[in-house]
Amino acid sequence: MRRELRAAGITDPGLCADYAHCRALHARHGRTYYLATLALPPRRRPAIHALYGFARWVDDVVDAPEGAVPVETRAAVLARLDTELTTALSGGTSTEPVVRAVADTARRYGIGAELFASFLRSMRMDLSVTDYATFADLRGYMYGSAAVIGLQVLPVLGTVVPLPRAAPHAAALGEAFQLTNFLRDVAEDLDRGRVYLPADVLAQHGVDRDLLAWCRSRRRGDPRVRDALAHLVAVNRDGYRTAAPGIAMLDPVSRPCVATAFTLYQEILDVIEEADFDVWSCRRAVSRWRRARVAVPAFGRAVLYRAAAVRRADGGVPRRGGARISGRN
């Protein structure tokens, strides 16, 4: 971590501790994302740790067990966090390490405050919204909870095209990652009282919330649910195809990182399909061997790209286009 922080020019001891806290959150909760981040040049990793650590910390506030933490308390914590983040993004301070780190990252990379506001708006929805009537409704939620994450990391990764041109692909990849999570975690989300699979798509296959709950209680599927999941996996793969052209728009030193996450997340879909869409008996995950098979060559490519960058005497973060990313694109 010290090497990463020195490479990023982060020297203040307190801020170093804040970034280290975010890195620990990233390593503990985001195995696929964290593994992919290791393919980045060290100087770019702290910002990714901060962005992921912040998102994960907020998500943990929202997903705290209702019996242990009442909705009203979680709402109050989110309101306080919103205020502290607004203050920190404006140059003030915060009591939370993740807020201090993410505000520093936002200043360094010109990440718009609107993106964080959209993220918190979707997180507040999770306190009261338990299902989505249409896929369009779900995409409205995913813009704030996932697409903006892609937009936040884009300036950190750097691009070889103007940022606004790459932004739609980054947003699409964020949404694709999250839809994969929803498909993998449908049983776990039901335990939290939520269904993220859109009701209109489920209804096309004769599925409703009660049938999903039946599958969860018996830890086994139903042919109608299988068909609905297969349909949504196909939709999810279309999302990855939409996102794919954006990888070539990234700075070459960042491509192995994103390509690793891009491949590994689609392998989650492969695992679900290989299990005949059984997401009930266990949580489907990519094996360590399969992760290593993707990650090791990516690390090799990353080393080659970094060596080429050094030869070109590239000492700064590419910012071609100079456009700040904020709001919808």
C-alpha atoms as a PDB file:
ATOM      1  CA  MET A   1       0.000   0.000   0.000  1.00  0.00           C
ATOM      2  CA  ARG A   2       2.858   2.408   0.785  1.00  0.00           C
ATOM      3  CA  ARG A   3       4.207   1.898  -2.718  1.00  0.00           C
ATOM      4  CA  GLU A   4       0.809   2.692  -4.229  1.00  0.00           C
ATOM      5  CA  LEU A   5       0.392   5.820  -2.123  1.00  0.00           C
ATOM      6  CA  ARG A   6       3.883   7.113  -2.912  1.00  0.00           C
ATOM      7  CA  ALA A   7       3.289   6.516  -6.619  1.00  0.00           C
ATOM      8  CA  ALA A   8       0.005   8.443  -6.400  1.00  0.00           C
ATOM      9  CA  GLY A   9       1.662  11.369  -4.608  1.00  0.00           C
ATOM     10  CA  ILE A  10      -0.348  10.836  -1.406  1.00  0.00           C
ATOM     11  CA  THR A  11       1.914  11.663   1.519  1.00  0.00           C
ATOM     12  CA  ASP A  12      -0.212  13.102   4.343  1.00  0.00           C
ATOM     13  CA  PRO A  13      -0.226  10.455   7.129  1.00  0.00           C
ATOM     14  CA  GLY A  14      -3.914  10.894   7.933  1.00  0.00           C
ATOM     15  CA  LEU A  15      -4.937  10.664   4.290  1.00  0.00           C
ATOM     16  CA  CYS A  16      -2.685   7.629   3.821  1.00  0.00           C
ATOM     17  CA  ALA A  17      -4.573   5.921   6.657  1.00  0.00           C
ATOM     18  CA  ASP A  18      -7.895   6.827   5.029  1.00  0.00           C
ATOM     19  CA  TYR A  19      -6.854   5.264   1.739  1.00  0.00           C
ATOM     20  CA  ALA A  20      -5.517   2.187   3.536  1.00  0.00           C
ATOM     21  CA  HIS A  21      -8.932   1.776   5.175  1.00  0.00           C
ATOM     22  CA  CYS A  22     -10.608   1.888   1.757  1.00  0.00           C
ATOM     23  CA  ARG A  23      -8.137  -0.626   0.358  1.00  0.00           C
ATOM     24  CA  ALA A  24      -8.977  -3.037   3.187  1.00  0.00           C
ATOM     25  CA  LEU A  25     -12.687  -2.714   2.414  1.00  0.00           C
ATOM     26  CA  HIS A  26     -11.976  -3.336  -1.264  1.00  0.00           C
ATOM     27  CA  ALA A  27      -9.840  -6.413  -0.577  1.00  0.00           C
ATOM     28  CA  ARG A  28     -12.358  -7.898   1.875  1.00  0.00           C
ATOM     29  CA  HIS A  29     -15.582  -7.348  -0.061  1.00  0.00           C
ATOM     30  CA  GLY A  30     -14.709  -7.067  -3.755  1.00  0.00           C
ATOM     31  CA  ARG A  31     -12.661 -10.107  -4.722  1.00  0.00           C
ATOM     32  CA  THR A  32     -13.182  -9.801  -8.467  1.00  0.00           C
ATOM     33  CA  TYR A  33     -12.816  -6.012  -8.571  1.00  0.00           C
ATOM     34  CA  TYR A  34      -9.808  -6.103  -6.246  1.00  0.00           C
ATOM     35  CA  LEU A  35      -8.036  -8.744  -8.293  1.00  0.00           C
ATOM     36  CA  ALA A  36      -8.606  -6.708 -11.444  1.00  0.00           C
ATOM     37  CA  THR A  37      -7.337  -3.535  -9.754  1.00  0.00           C
ATOM     38  CA  LEU A  38      -3.955  -5.184  -9.136  1.00  0.00           C
ATOM     39  CA  ALA A  39      -3.394  -5.016 -12.907  1.00  0.00           C
ATOM     40  CA  LEU A  40      -3.418  -1.203 -12.753  1.00  0.00           C
ATOM     41  CA  PRO A  41      -0.259   0.888 -12.357  1.00  0.00           C
ATOM     42  CA  PRO A  42       0.282   1.449  -8.601  1.00  0.00           C
ATOM     43  CA  ARG A  43      -0.364   5.208  -8.839  1.00  0.00           C
ATOM     44  CA  ARG A  44      -3.946   4.623 -10.002  1.00  0.00           C
ATOM     45  CA  ARG A  45      -4.942   1.986  -7.470  1.00  0.00           C
ATOM     46  CA  PRO A  46      -5.588   4.207  -4.405  1.00  0.00           C
ATOM     47  CA  ALA A  47      -8.313   6.127  -6.237  1.00  0.00           C
ATOM     48  CA  ILE A  48     -10.055   2.886  -7.240  1.00  0.00           C
ATOM     49  CA  HIS A  49      -9.778   1.632  -3.654  1.00  0.00           C
ATOM     50  CA  ALA A  50     -11.351   4.877  -2.426  1.00  0.00           C
ATOM     51  CA  LEU A  51     -14.237   4.767  -4.900  1.00  0.00           C
ATOM     52  CA  TYR A  52     -14.976   1.101  -4.217  1.00  0.00           C
ATOM     53  CA  GLY A  53     -14.494   1.483  -0.457  1.00  0.00           C
ATOM     54  CA  PHE A  54     -16.942   4.380  -0.352  1.00  0.00           C
ATOM     55  CA  ALA A  55     -19.561   2.528  -2.404  1.00  0.00           C
ATOM     56  CA  ARG A  56     -19.183  -0.600  -0.312  1.00  0.00           C
ATOM     57  CA  TRP A  57     -19.358   1.283   2.975  1.00  0.00           C
ATOM     58  CA  VAL A  58     -22.607   2.988   1.958  1.00  0.00           C
ATOM     59  CA  ASP A  59     -23.988  -0.328   0.711  1.00  0.00           C
ATOM     60  CA  ASP A  60     -23.255  -1.922   4.083  1.00  0.00           C
ATOM     61  CA  VAL A  61     -25.177   0.885   5.821  1.00  0.00           C
ATOM     62  CA  VAL A  62     -28.181   0.272   3.575  1.00  0.00           C
ATOM     63  CA  ASP A  63     -28.042  -3.520   3.878  1.00  0.00           C
ATOM     64  CA  ALA A  64     -27.689  -3.685   7.659  1.00  0.00           C
ATOM     65  CA  PRO A  65     -30.159  -6.246   9.109  1.00  0.00           C
ATOM     66  CA  GLU A  66     -33.482  -4.511   9.671  1.00  0.00           C
ATOM     67  CA  GLY A  67     -33.951  -6.098  13.060  1.00  0.00           C
ATOM     68  CA  ALA A  68     -30.581  -4.803  14.218  1.00  0.00           C
ATOM     69  CA  VAL A  69     -30.651  -1.393  12.561  1.00  0.00           C
ATOM     70  CA  PRO A  70     -34.086   0.210  11.936  1.00  0.00           C
ATOM     71  CA  VAL A  71     -34.782   1.831   8.584  1.00  0.00           C
ATOM     72  CA  GLU A  72     -35.091   5.213  10.291  1.00  0.00           C
ATOM     73  CA  THR A  73     -31.586   4.861  11.717  1.00  0.00           C
ATOM     74  CA  ARG A  74     -30.132   3.855   8.363  1.00  0.00           C
ATOM     75  CA  ALA A  75     -31.874   6.813   6.734  1.00  0.00           C
ATOM     76  CA  ALA A  76     -30.392   9.149   9.330  1.00  0.00           C
ATOM     77  CA  VAL A  77     -26.893   7.729   8.725  1.00  0.00           C
ATOM     78  CA  LEU A  78     -27.305   8.238   4.963  1.00  0.00           C
ATOM     79  CA  ALA A  79     -28.482  11.816   5.517  1.00  0.00           C
ATOM     80  CA  ARG A  80     -25.449  12.549   7.697  1.00  0.00           C
ATOM     81  CA  LEU A  81     -23.176  10.929   5.144  1.00  0.00           C
ATOM     82  CA  ASP A  82     -24.714  12.982   2.348  1.00  0.00           C
ATOM     83  CA  THR A  83     -24.048  16.172   4.310  1.00  0.00           C
ATOM     84  CA  GLU A  84     -20.472  15.179   5.159  1.00  0.00           C
ATOM     85  CA  LEU A  85     -19.734  14.191   1.567  1.00  0.00           C
ATOM     86  CA  THR A  86     -21.105  17.476   0.223  1.00  0.00           C
ATOM     87  CA  THR A  87     -18.919  19.345   2.710  1.00  0.00           C
ATOM     88  CA  ALA A  88     -15.829  17.275   1.899  1.00  0.00           C
ATOM     89  CA  LEU A  89     -16.289  17.635  -1.863  1.00  0.00           C
ATOM     90  CA  SER A  90     -16.444  21.390  -1.343  1.00  0.00           C
ATOM     91  CA  GLY A  91     -13.099  21.409   0.471  1.00  0.00           C
ATOM     92  CA  GLY A  92     -14.251  20.712   4.009  1.00  0.00           C
ATOM     93  CA  THR A  93     -13.604  17.683   6.177  1.00  0.00           C
ATOM     94  CA  SER A  94     -15.480  14.621   7.422  1.00  0.00           C
ATOM     95  CA  THR A  95     -15.465  12.265  10.389  1.00  0.00           C
ATOM     96  CA  GLU A  96     -15.425   9.236   8.067  1.00  0.00           C
ATOM     97  CA  PRO A  97     -12.190   7.883   6.527  1.00  0.00           C
ATOM     98  CA  VAL A  98     -13.977   6.686   3.375  1.00  0.00           C
ATOM     99  CA  VAL A  99     -15.477  10.133   2.816  1.00  0.00           C
ATOM    100  CA  ARG A 100     -12.136  11.878   3.245  1.00  0.00           C
ATOM    101  CA  ALA A 101     -10.452   9.494   0.811  1.00  0.00           C
ATOM    102  CA  VAL A 102     -13.155   9.624  -1.837  1.00  0.00           C
ATOM    103  CA  ALA A 103     -13.355  13.420  -1.656  1.00  0.00           C
ATOM    104  CA  ASP A 104      -9.595  13.594  -2.193  1.00  0.00           C
ATOM    105  CA  THR A 105      -9.932  11.268  -5.188  1.00  0.00           C
ATOM    106  CA  ALA A 106     -12.759  13.371  -6.627  1.00  0.00           C
ATOM    107  CA  ARG A 107     -10.614  16.509  -6.413  1.00  0.00           C
ATOM    108  CA  ARG A 108      -7.579  14.835  -7.963  1.00  0.00           C
ATOM    109  CA  TYR A 109      -9.498  13.456 -10.942  1.00  0.00           C
ATOM    110  CA  GLY A 110     -12.236  16.039 -11.454  1.00  0.00           C
ATOM    111  CA  ILE A 111     -15.087  13.638 -10.668  1.00  0.00           C
ATOM    112  CA  GLY A 112     -18.372  15.536 -10.557  1.00  0.00           C
ATOM    113  CA  ALA A 113     -20.314  15.777  -7.292  1.00  0.00           C
ATOM    114  CA  GLU A 114     -23.491  14.974  -9.251  1.00  0.00           C
ATOM    115  CA  LEU A 115     -22.315  11.395  -9.678  1.00  0.00           C
ATOM    116  CA  PHE A 116     -22.079  10.901  -5.916  1.00  0.00           C
ATOM    117  CA  ALA A 117     -25.484  12.541  -5.441  1.00  0.00           C
ATOM    118  CA  SER A 118     -27.023  10.088  -7.936  1.00  0.00           C
ATOM    119  CA  PHE A 119     -25.377   7.178  -6.149  1.00  0.00           C
ATOM    120  CA  LEU A 120     -26.757   8.217  -2.756  1.00  0.00           C
ATOM    121  CA  ARG A 121     -30.193   8.755  -4.289  1.00  0.00           C
ATOM    122  CA  SER A 122     -30.291   5.126  -5.433  1.00  0.00           C
ATOM    123  CA  MET A 123     -28.996   3.953  -2.057  1.00  0.00           C
ATOM    124  CA  ARG A 124     -31.889   5.762  -0.355  1.00  0.00           C
ATOM    125  CA  MET A 125     -34.270   3.904  -2.673  1.00  0.00           C
ATOM    126  CA  ASP A 126     -33.081   0.626  -1.142  1.00  0.00           C
ATOM    127  CA  LEU A 127     -34.567   1.715   2.191  1.00  0.00           C
ATOM    128  CA  SER A 128     -38.112   1.759   0.824  1.00  0.00           C
ATOM    129  CA  VAL A 129     -38.286   0.205  -2.671  1.00  0.00           C
ATOM    130  CA  THR A 130     -38.498  -3.591  -2.599  1.00  0.00           C
ATOM    131  CA  ASP A 131     -39.144  -4.413  -6.263  1.00  0.00           C
ATOM    132  CA  TYR A 132     -39.268  -2.914  -9.759  1.00  0.00           C
ATOM    133  CA  ALA A 133     -42.302  -3.110 -12.028  1.00  0.00           C
ATOM    134  CA  THR A 134     -40.414  -2.749 -15.312  1.00  0.00           C
ATOM    135  CA  PHE A 135     -36.918  -3.101 -16.647  1.00  0.00           C
ATOM    136  CA  ALA A 136     -36.972   0.646 -17.330  1.00  0.00           C
ATOM    137  CA  ASP A 137     -37.645   1.247 -13.621  1.00  0.00           C
ATOM    138  CA  LEU A 138     -34.735  -1.004 -12.702  1.00  0.00           C
ATOM    139  CA  ARG A 139     -32.419   0.838 -15.087  1.00  0.00           C
ATOM    140  CA  GLY A 140     -33.383   4.096 -13.390  1.00  0.00           C
ATOM    141  CA  TYR A 141     -32.152   2.620 -10.125  1.00  0.00           C
ATOM    142  CA  MET A 142     -29.033   1.112 -11.730  1.00  0.00           C
ATOM    143  CA  TYR A 143     -28.003   4.451 -13.207  1.00  0.00           C
ATOM    144  CA  GLY A 144     -27.329   5.748  -9.709  1.00  0.00           C
ATOM    145  CA  SER A 145     -26.150   2.501  -8.150  1.00  0.00           C
ATOM    146  CA  ALA A 146     -23.918   1.195 -10.952  1.00  0.00           C
ATOM    147  CA  ALA A 147     -23.624   3.337 -14.098  1.00  0.00           C
ATOM    148  CA  VAL A 148     -22.236   6.273 -12.131  1.00  0.00           C
ATOM    149  CA  ILE A 149     -19.549   3.990 -10.680  1.00  0.00           C
ATOM    150  CA  GLY A 150     -18.323   3.377 -14.209  1.00  0.00           C
ATOM    151  CA  LEU A 151     -18.355   7.115 -14.832  1.00  0.00           C
ATOM    152  CA  GLN A 152     -16.477   7.805 -11.580  1.00  0.00           C
ATOM    153  CA  VAL A 153     -13.618   5.422 -12.366  1.00  0.00           C
ATOM    154  CA  LEU A 154     -13.238   6.516 -15.996  1.00  0.00           C
ATOM    155  CA  PRO A 155     -11.034   9.585 -15.301  1.00  0.00           C
ATOM    156  CA  VAL A 156      -8.868   7.430 -13.022  1.00  0.00           C
ATOM    157  CA  LEU A 157      -8.348   4.823 -15.717  1.00  0.00           C
ATOM    158  CA  GLY A 158      -7.625   7.415 -18.389  1.00  0.00           C
ATOM    159  CA  THR A 159      -8.709   7.333 -22.030  1.00  0.00           C
ATOM    160  CA  VAL A 160      -7.231   7.742 -25.503  1.00  0.00           C
ATOM    161  CA  VAL A 161     -10.417   9.450 -26.674  1.00  0.00           C
ATOM    162  CA  PRO A 162     -12.333  12.368 -25.135  1.00  0.00           C
ATOM    163  CA  LEU A 163     -13.996  11.223 -21.906  1.00  0.00           C
ATOM    164  CA  PRO A 164     -17.585  11.921 -23.081  1.00  0.00           C
ATOM    165  CA  ARG A 165     -17.085   9.499 -25.976  1.00  0.00           C
ATOM    166  CA  ALA A 166     -16.035   6.681 -23.643  1.00  0.00           C
ATOM    167  CA  ALA A 167     -18.619   7.496 -20.952  1.00  0.00           C
ATOM    168  CA  PRO A 168     -21.624   5.560 -22.374  1.00  0.00           C
ATOM    169  CA  HIS A 169     -19.557   2.370 -22.520  1.00  0.00           C
ATOM    170  CA  ALA A 170     -18.299   2.863 -18.969  1.00  0.00           C
ATOM    171  CA  ALA A 171     -21.878   3.383 -17.757  1.00  0.00           C
ATOM    172  CA  ALA A 172     -23.055   0.289 -19.651  1.00  0.00           C
ATOM    173  CA  LEU A 173     -20.324  -1.801 -18.043  1.00  0.00           C
ATOM    174  CA  GLY A 174     -21.300  -0.628 -14.583  1.00  0.00           C
ATOM    175  CA  GLU A 175     -24.903  -1.661 -15.247  1.00  0.00           C
ATOM    176  CA  ALA A 176     -23.809  -5.013 -16.709  1.00  0.00           C
ATOM    177  CA  PHE A 177     -21.739  -5.791 -13.617  1.00  0.00           C
ATOM    178  CA  GLN A 178     -24.669  -5.007 -11.364  1.00  0.00           C
ATOM    179  CA  LEU A 179     -27.194  -7.052 -13.316  1.00  0.00           C
ATOM    180  CA  THR A 180     -24.809 -10.003 -13.000  1.00  0.00           C
ATOM    181  CA  ASN A 181     -24.791  -9.418  -9.245  1.00  0.00           C
ATOM    182  CA  PHE A 182     -28.593  -9.366  -9.190  1.00  0.00           C
ATOM    183  CA  LEU A 183     -28.778 -12.673 -11.063  1.00  0.00           C
ATOM    184  CA  ARG A 184     -26.200 -14.308  -8.814  1.00  0.00           C
ATOM    185  CA  ASP A 185     -27.645 -12.900  -5.569  1.00  0.00           C
ATOM    186  CA  VAL A 186     -31.388 -13.246  -6.181  1.00  0.00           C
ATOM    187  CA  ALA A 187     -31.770 -15.587  -3.193  1.00  0.00           C
ATOM    188  CA  GLU A 188     -29.720 -13.365  -0.881  1.00  0.00           C
ATOM    189  CA  ASP A 189     -31.689 -10.279  -1.978  1.00  0.00           C
ATOM    190  CA  LEU A 190     -34.955 -12.081  -1.231  1.00  0.00           C
ATOM    191  CA  ASP A 191     -33.696 -12.616   2.308  1.00  0.00           C
ATOM    192  CA  ARG A 192     -33.382  -8.814   2.545  1.00  0.00           C
ATOM    193  CA  GLY A 193     -36.943  -8.395   1.284  1.00  0.00           C
ATOM    194  CA  ARG A 194     -35.918  -7.180  -2.181  1.00  0.00           C
ATOM    195  CA  VAL A 195     -36.418  -8.416  -5.736  1.00  0.00           C
ATOM    196  CA  TYR A 196     -34.246  -6.684  -8.318  1.00  0.00           C
ATOM    197  CA  LEU A 197     -35.412  -8.818 -11.247  1.00  0.00           C
ATOM    198  CA  PRO A 198     -38.018  -6.683 -13.073  1.00  0.00           C
ATOM    199  CA  ALA A 199     -41.615  -7.855 -12.643  1.00  0.00           C
ATOM    200  CA  ASP A 200     -42.549  -7.322 -16.298  1.00  0.00           C
ATOM    201  CA  VAL A 201     -39.812  -9.679 -17.488  1.00  0.00           C
ATOM    202  CA  LEU A 202     -40.677 -12.247 -14.822  1.00  0.00           C
ATOM    203  CA  ALA A 203     -44.375 -12.099 -15.744  1.00  0.00           C
ATOM    204  CA  GLN A 204     -43.559 -12.943 -19.364  1.00  0.00           C
ATOM    205  CA  HIS A 205     -42.415 -16.335 -18.062  1.00  0.00           C
ATOM    206  CA  GLY A 206     -45.192 -16.849 -15.513  1.00  0.00           C
ATOM    207  CA  VAL A 207     -43.043 -15.870 -12.535  1.00  0.00           C
ATOM    208  CA  ASP A 208     -43.945 -13.615  -9.621  1.00  0.00           C
ATOM    209  CA  ARG A 209     -42.441 -12.778  -6.246  1.00  0.00           C
ATOM    210  CA  ASP A 210     -44.269 -15.625  -4.522  1.00  0.00           C
ATOM    211  CA  LEU A 211     -42.753 -18.192  -6.884  1.00  0.00           C
ATOM    212  CA  LEU A 212     -39.279 -16.781  -6.285  1.00  0.00           C
ATOM    213  CA  ALA A 213     -39.885 -17.027  -2.538  1.00  0.00           C
ATOM    214  CA  TRP A 214     -41.025 -20.638  -3.003  1.00  0.00           C
ATOM    215  CA  CYS A 215     -37.762 -21.448  -4.810  1.00  0.00           C
ATOM    216  CA  ARG A 216     -35.793 -19.766  -2.062  1.00  0.00           C
ATOM    217  CA  SER A 217     -37.561 -21.635   0.732  1.00  0.00           C
ATOM    218  CA  ARG A 218     -36.977 -25.007  -0.963  1.00  0.00           C
ATOM    219  CA  ARG A 219     -33.517 -24.150  -2.282  1.00  0.00           C
ATOM    220  CA  ARG A 220     -34.419 -25.391  -5.740  1.00  0.00           C
ATOM    221  CA  GLY A 221     -35.662 -23.903  -8.980  1.00  0.00           C
ATOM    222  CA  ASP A 222     -38.753 -24.070 -11.168  1.00  0.00           C
ATOM    223  CA  PRO A 223     -38.839 -24.338 -14.995  1.00  0.00           C
ATOM    224  CA  ARG A 224     -40.589 -20.965 -15.270  1.00  0.00           C
ATOM    225  CA  VAL A 225     -37.969 -19.285 -13.106  1.00  0.00           C
ATOM    226  CA  ARG A 226     -35.217 -20.984 -15.087  1.00  0.00           C
ATOM    227  CA  ASP A 227     -36.618 -19.518 -18.325  1.00  0.00           C
ATOM    228  CA  ALA A 228     -36.856 -16.049 -16.809  1.00  0.00           C
ATOM    229  CA  LEU A 229     -33.279 -16.217 -15.554  1.00  0.00           C
ATOM    230  CA  ALA A 230     -32.081 -17.453 -18.946  1.00  0.00           C
ATOM    231  CA  HIS A 231     -33.800 -14.496 -20.600  1.00  0.00           C
ATOM    232  CA  LEU A 232     -32.177 -12.042 -18.196  1.00  0.00           C
ATOM    233  CA  VAL A 233     -28.752 -13.635 -18.661  1.00  0.00           C
ATOM    234  CA  ALA A 234     -29.151 -13.034 -22.410  1.00  0.00           C
ATOM    235  CA  VAL A 235     -30.091  -9.395 -21.706  1.00  0.00           C
ATOM    236  CA  ASN A 236     -27.066  -9.132 -19.439  1.00  0.00           C
ATOM    237  CA  ARG A 237     -24.757 -10.438 -22.168  1.00  0.00           C
ATOM    238  CA  ASP A 238     -26.147  -7.795 -24.536  1.00  0.00           C
ATOM    239  CA  GLY A 239     -25.121  -5.204 -21.957  1.00  0.00           C
ATOM    240  CA  TYR A 240     -21.558  -6.507 -21.957  1.00  0.00           C
ATOM    241  CA  ARG A 241     -21.504  -6.315 -25.762  1.00  0.00           C
ATOM    242  CA  THR A 242     -22.577  -2.672 -25.541  1.00  0.00           C
ATOM    243  CA  ALA A 243     -19.801  -1.975 -23.052  1.00  0.00           C
ATOM    244  CA  ALA A 244     -17.054  -3.882 -24.888  1.00  0.00           C
ATOM    245  CA  PRO A 245     -15.901  -1.123 -27.324  1.00  0.00           C
ATOM    246  CA  GLY A 246     -15.060   1.074 -24.350  1.00  0.00           C
ATOM    247  CA  ILE A 247     -12.097  -1.099 -23.330  1.00  0.00           C
ATOM    248  CA  ALA A 248     -10.108  -0.069 -26.423  1.00  0.00           C
ATOM    249  CA  MET A 249     -10.873   3.575 -25.581  1.00  0.00           C
ATOM    250  CA  LEU A 250      -8.993   3.315 -22.283  1.00  0.00           C
ATOM    251  CA  ASP A 251      -5.369   4.175 -21.697  1.00  0.00           C
ATOM    252  CA  PRO A 252      -3.452   0.981 -22.624  1.00  0.00           C
ATOM    253  CA  VAL A 253      -2.068   0.635 -19.080  1.00  0.00           C
ATOM    254  CA  SER A 254      -5.652   0.412 -17.735  1.00  0.00           C
ATOM    255  CA  ARG A 255      -7.065  -2.024 -20.283  1.00  0.00           C
ATOM    256  CA  PRO A 256      -5.866  -5.241 -18.582  1.00  0.00           C
ATOM    257  CA  CYS A 257      -7.645  -4.216 -15.359  1.00  0.00           C
ATOM    258  CA  VAL A 258     -10.997  -3.605 -17.014  1.00  0.00           C
ATOM    259  CA  ALA A 259     -10.631  -6.568 -19.381  1.00  0.00           C
ATOM    260  CA  THR A 260     -10.026  -8.831 -16.362  1.00  0.00           C
ATOM    261  CA  ALA A 261     -13.190  -7.689 -14.582  1.00  0.00           C
ATOM    262  CA  PHE A 262     -15.084  -7.785 -17.901  1.00  0.00           C
ATOM    263  CA  THR A 263     -14.134 -11.432 -18.443  1.00  0.00           C
ATOM    264  CA  LEU A 264     -14.484 -12.654 -14.864  1.00  0.00           C
ATOM    265  CA  TYR A 265     -17.926 -11.157 -14.399  1.00  0.00           C
ATOM    266  CA  GLN A 266     -19.165 -12.838 -17.562  1.00  0.00           C
ATOM    267  CA  GLU A 267     -17.740 -16.078 -16.217  1.00  0.00           C
ATOM    268  CA  ILE A 268     -20.176 -15.713 -13.305  1.00  0.00           C
ATOM    269  CA  LEU A 269     -22.907 -15.956 -15.936  1.00  0.00           C
ATOM    270  CA  ASP A 270     -21.144 -19.023 -17.371  1.00  0.00           C
ATOM    271  CA  VAL A 271     -21.168 -20.652 -13.921  1.00  0.00           C
ATOM    272  CA  ILE A 272     -24.885 -19.889 -13.513  1.00  0.00           C
ATOM    273  CA  GLU A 273     -25.636 -21.419 -16.905  1.00  0.00           C
ATOM    274  CA  GLU A 274     -23.501 -24.484 -16.141  1.00  0.00           C
ATOM    275  CA  ALA A 275     -25.584 -24.977 -12.989  1.00  0.00           C
ATOM    276  CA  ASP A 276     -28.750 -24.868 -15.145  1.00  0.00           C
ATOM    277  CA  PHE A 277     -29.657 -21.516 -13.546  1.00  0.00           C
ATOM    278  CA  ASP A 278     -29.733 -22.925 -10.032  1.00  0.00           C
ATOM    279  CA  VAL A 279     -29.072 -19.806  -7.953  1.00  0.00           C
ATOM    280  CA  TRP A 280     -30.894 -21.273  -4.962  1.00  0.00           C
ATOM    281  CA  SER A 281     -28.808 -24.105  -3.539  1.00  0.00           C
ATOM    282  CA  CYS A 282     -25.619 -22.029  -3.205  1.00  0.00           C
ATOM    283  CA  ARG A 283     -24.036 -18.738  -4.225  1.00  0.00           C
ATOM    284  CA  ARG A 284     -22.462 -19.233  -7.634  1.00  0.00           C
ATOM    285  CA  ALA A 285     -18.879 -18.036  -7.945  1.00  0.00           C
ATOM    286  CA  VAL A 286     -15.933 -18.342 -10.305  1.00  0.00           C
ATOM    287  CA  SER A 287     -13.350 -20.796  -9.013  1.00  0.00           C
ATOM    288  CA  ARG A 288      -9.892 -19.647  -7.981  1.00  0.00           C
ATOM    289  CA  TRP A 289      -8.391 -21.603 -10.885  1.00  0.00           C
ATOM    290  CA  ARG A 290     -10.621 -19.838 -13.399  1.00  0.00           C
ATOM    291  CA  ARG A 291      -9.859 -16.449 -11.853  1.00  0.00           C
ATOM    292  CA  ALA A 292      -6.133 -17.158 -12.044  1.00  0.00           C
ATOM    293  CA  ARG A 293      -6.444 -18.286 -15.662  1.00  0.00           C
ATOM    294  CA  VAL A 294      -7.814 -14.849 -16.558  1.00  0.00           C
ATOM    295  CA  ALA A 295      -5.792 -12.715 -14.174  1.00  0.00           C
ATOM    296  CA  VAL A 296      -2.262 -14.030 -14.745  1.00  0.00           C
ATOM    297  CA  PRO A 297      -2.096 -13.198 -18.484  1.00  0.00           C
ATOM    298  CA  ALA A 298      -3.694  -9.817 -17.726  1.00  0.00           C
ATOM    299  CA  PHE A 299      -0.929  -9.023 -15.243  1.00  0.00           C
ATOM    300  CA  GLY A 300       1.631  -9.927 -17.903  1.00  0.00           C
ATOM    301  CA  ARG A 301       0.016  -7.551 -20.376  1.00  0.00           C
ATOM    302  CA  ALA A 302      -0.129  -4.864 -17.706  1.00  0.00           C
ATOM    303  CA  VAL A 303       3.635  -5.125 -17.114  1.00  0.00           C
ATOM    304  CA  LEU A 304       4.312  -4.804 -20.848  1.00  0.00           C
ATOM    305  CA  TYR A 305       2.045  -1.760 -21.153  1.00  0.00           C
ATOM    306  CA  ARG A 306       3.726  -0.105 -18.181  1.00  0.00           C
ATOM    307  CA  ALA A 307       7.174  -0.738 -19.638  1.00  0.00           C
ATOM    308  CA  ALA A 308       6.078   0.816 -22.918  1.00  0.00           C
ATOM    309  CA  ALA A 309       4.675   3.797 -21.038  1.00  0.00           C
ATOM    310  CA  VAL A 310       7.968   4.311 -19.240  1.00  0.00           C
ATOM    311  CA  ARG A 311       9.814   4.212 -22.534  1.00  0.00           C
ATOM    312  CA  ARG A 312       7.530   6.954 -23.798  1.00  0.00           C
ATOM    313  CA  ALA A 313       8.395   8.913 -20.637  1.00  0.00           C
ATOM    314  CA  ASP A 314       4.697   9.055 -19.734  1.00  0.00           C
ATOM    315  CA  GLY A 315       4.746  10.515 -16.250  1.00  0.00           C
ATOM    316  CA  GLY A 316       1.110  11.656 -15.880  1.00  0.00           C
ATOM    317  CA  VAL A 317      -2.438  10.390 -15.954  1.00  0.00           C
ATOM    318  CA  PRO A 318      -3.873  10.689 -19.494  1.00  0.00           C
ATOM    319  CA  ARG A 319      -6.711  13.200 -19.565  1.00  0.00           C
ATOM    320  CA  ARG A 320      -7.290  13.576 -23.310  1.00  0.00           C
ATOM    321  CA  GLY A 321     -10.355  15.595 -24.074  1.00  0.00           C
ATOM    322  CA  GLY A 322     -10.107  17.386 -20.743  1.00  0.00           C
ATOM    323  CA  ALA A 323     -13.825  16.963 -20.115  1.00  0.00           C
ATOM    324  CA  ARG A 324     -15.095  16.385 -16.617  1.00  0.00           C
ATOM    325  CA  ILE A 325     -17.613  13.565 -16.327  1.00  0.00           C
ATOM    326  CA  SER A 326     -20.729  14.494 -14.409  1.00  0.00           C
ATOM    327  CA  GLY A 327     -24.417  13.730 -14.660  1.00  0.00           C
ATOM    328  CA  ARG A 328     -26.059  11.594 -17.327  1.00  0.00           C
ATOM    329  CA  ASN A 329     -24.265  10.933 -20.592  1.00  0.00           C
END
